[in-house]
C-alpha cells in the first residue's frame, strides 16, 4: 500500500516504510501529480513549473530520471521492464494512479463532499472531524513557495476553512452550542473576513443563553469589515443581529434544534 501525504510535511510510504523522496525537483514532480488528482500532467508543463520557466538544455532527461526514481521508490518490488502501475506514462505526460484514500488531500476532499450531502449531523460531524484530522500543517509545505503551488494551496486552505465551518454548523445541529463556542471563536480569529465564522460564533453564543456576548460579537464583525474592507456586514449577519434584538426564538430553534431525546432503555 502506498500512502502520500501533502497536508503538512511532504511524505510518502510504500510497503509500510517511509520513502525518501529525493531532492526538491524530484519531490516537485510527485507534488504536481498529486495536485492533478489523477489527471495527466503534460511534460511541457512539468518542465515549465519545475524550472520556473527557465529549463536547462537537459531538462527533459532530468525529468525522465526523476520519474524513473519515483517509480522505483513507489513500487520497490516491480520487476524490471514491467510497466509502472502507479506513476504511469500517458500522452502527453504522466499521471498518478492511486486510490483516493492513498493521498491525504484526495481523501480530505472526498470526506468533505460526503459531509456536504449528509442530512444526519452526527455522521456529517464525524466525516468532517476525520477530514480535518488529516491536516498536519500547511498544504504542500516543502513546495509552497513554488509559483505553481500557490493556486492549489490556496484552494485547499479555502476548503479547510469550509470544513471547519461545516463542522461547527453540524455541532450546533447536534444541540450542544456551548461546546461549539470555542471552535466558532477560532474561525473568527483565523479567518476574520469570512462572515460565516462570525455568524456561527454569534449563533452559538445566543443559543447558549449569552445574548449580550452574541451582540458584541456581531459588533466586532461590523468593525472588522468596516476597517478592513470598508463594507457593512452582509444580509445574513444583519438578519441574525435583528433576530437577537427582537428575540426571534423561532429563528434560533430553526438554526439550533434542541438535542435529541435519549433513546429509551429496552424493557427487561
Foldseek 3Di string as FASTA:
>chain_A
DKAFEFLAPTWIDAPRHTFDQDDDLLSVVVVVQVLVVFDFDAPVVSQCQSVVNDHDPCSSVVVVVSLVVVQCRRCVPDDPPDAGDAWHADPRGTHGDDPQVRYLLSLLVVLQVVLVPDPQLVSSLVSLVVSLVSRPHQGNVVCCPRPVNVVSSVVSVVVNLVSLLSNLLSVLQQAQLVVSLVSLVVSCVVPVLDVSSLLSNLLSCVSVVNLVVSLVSLVVSQVCCCVPPVDGDDPSSVVVNVCSVVVVVVVSCVSRPHHDDDDDDDDD
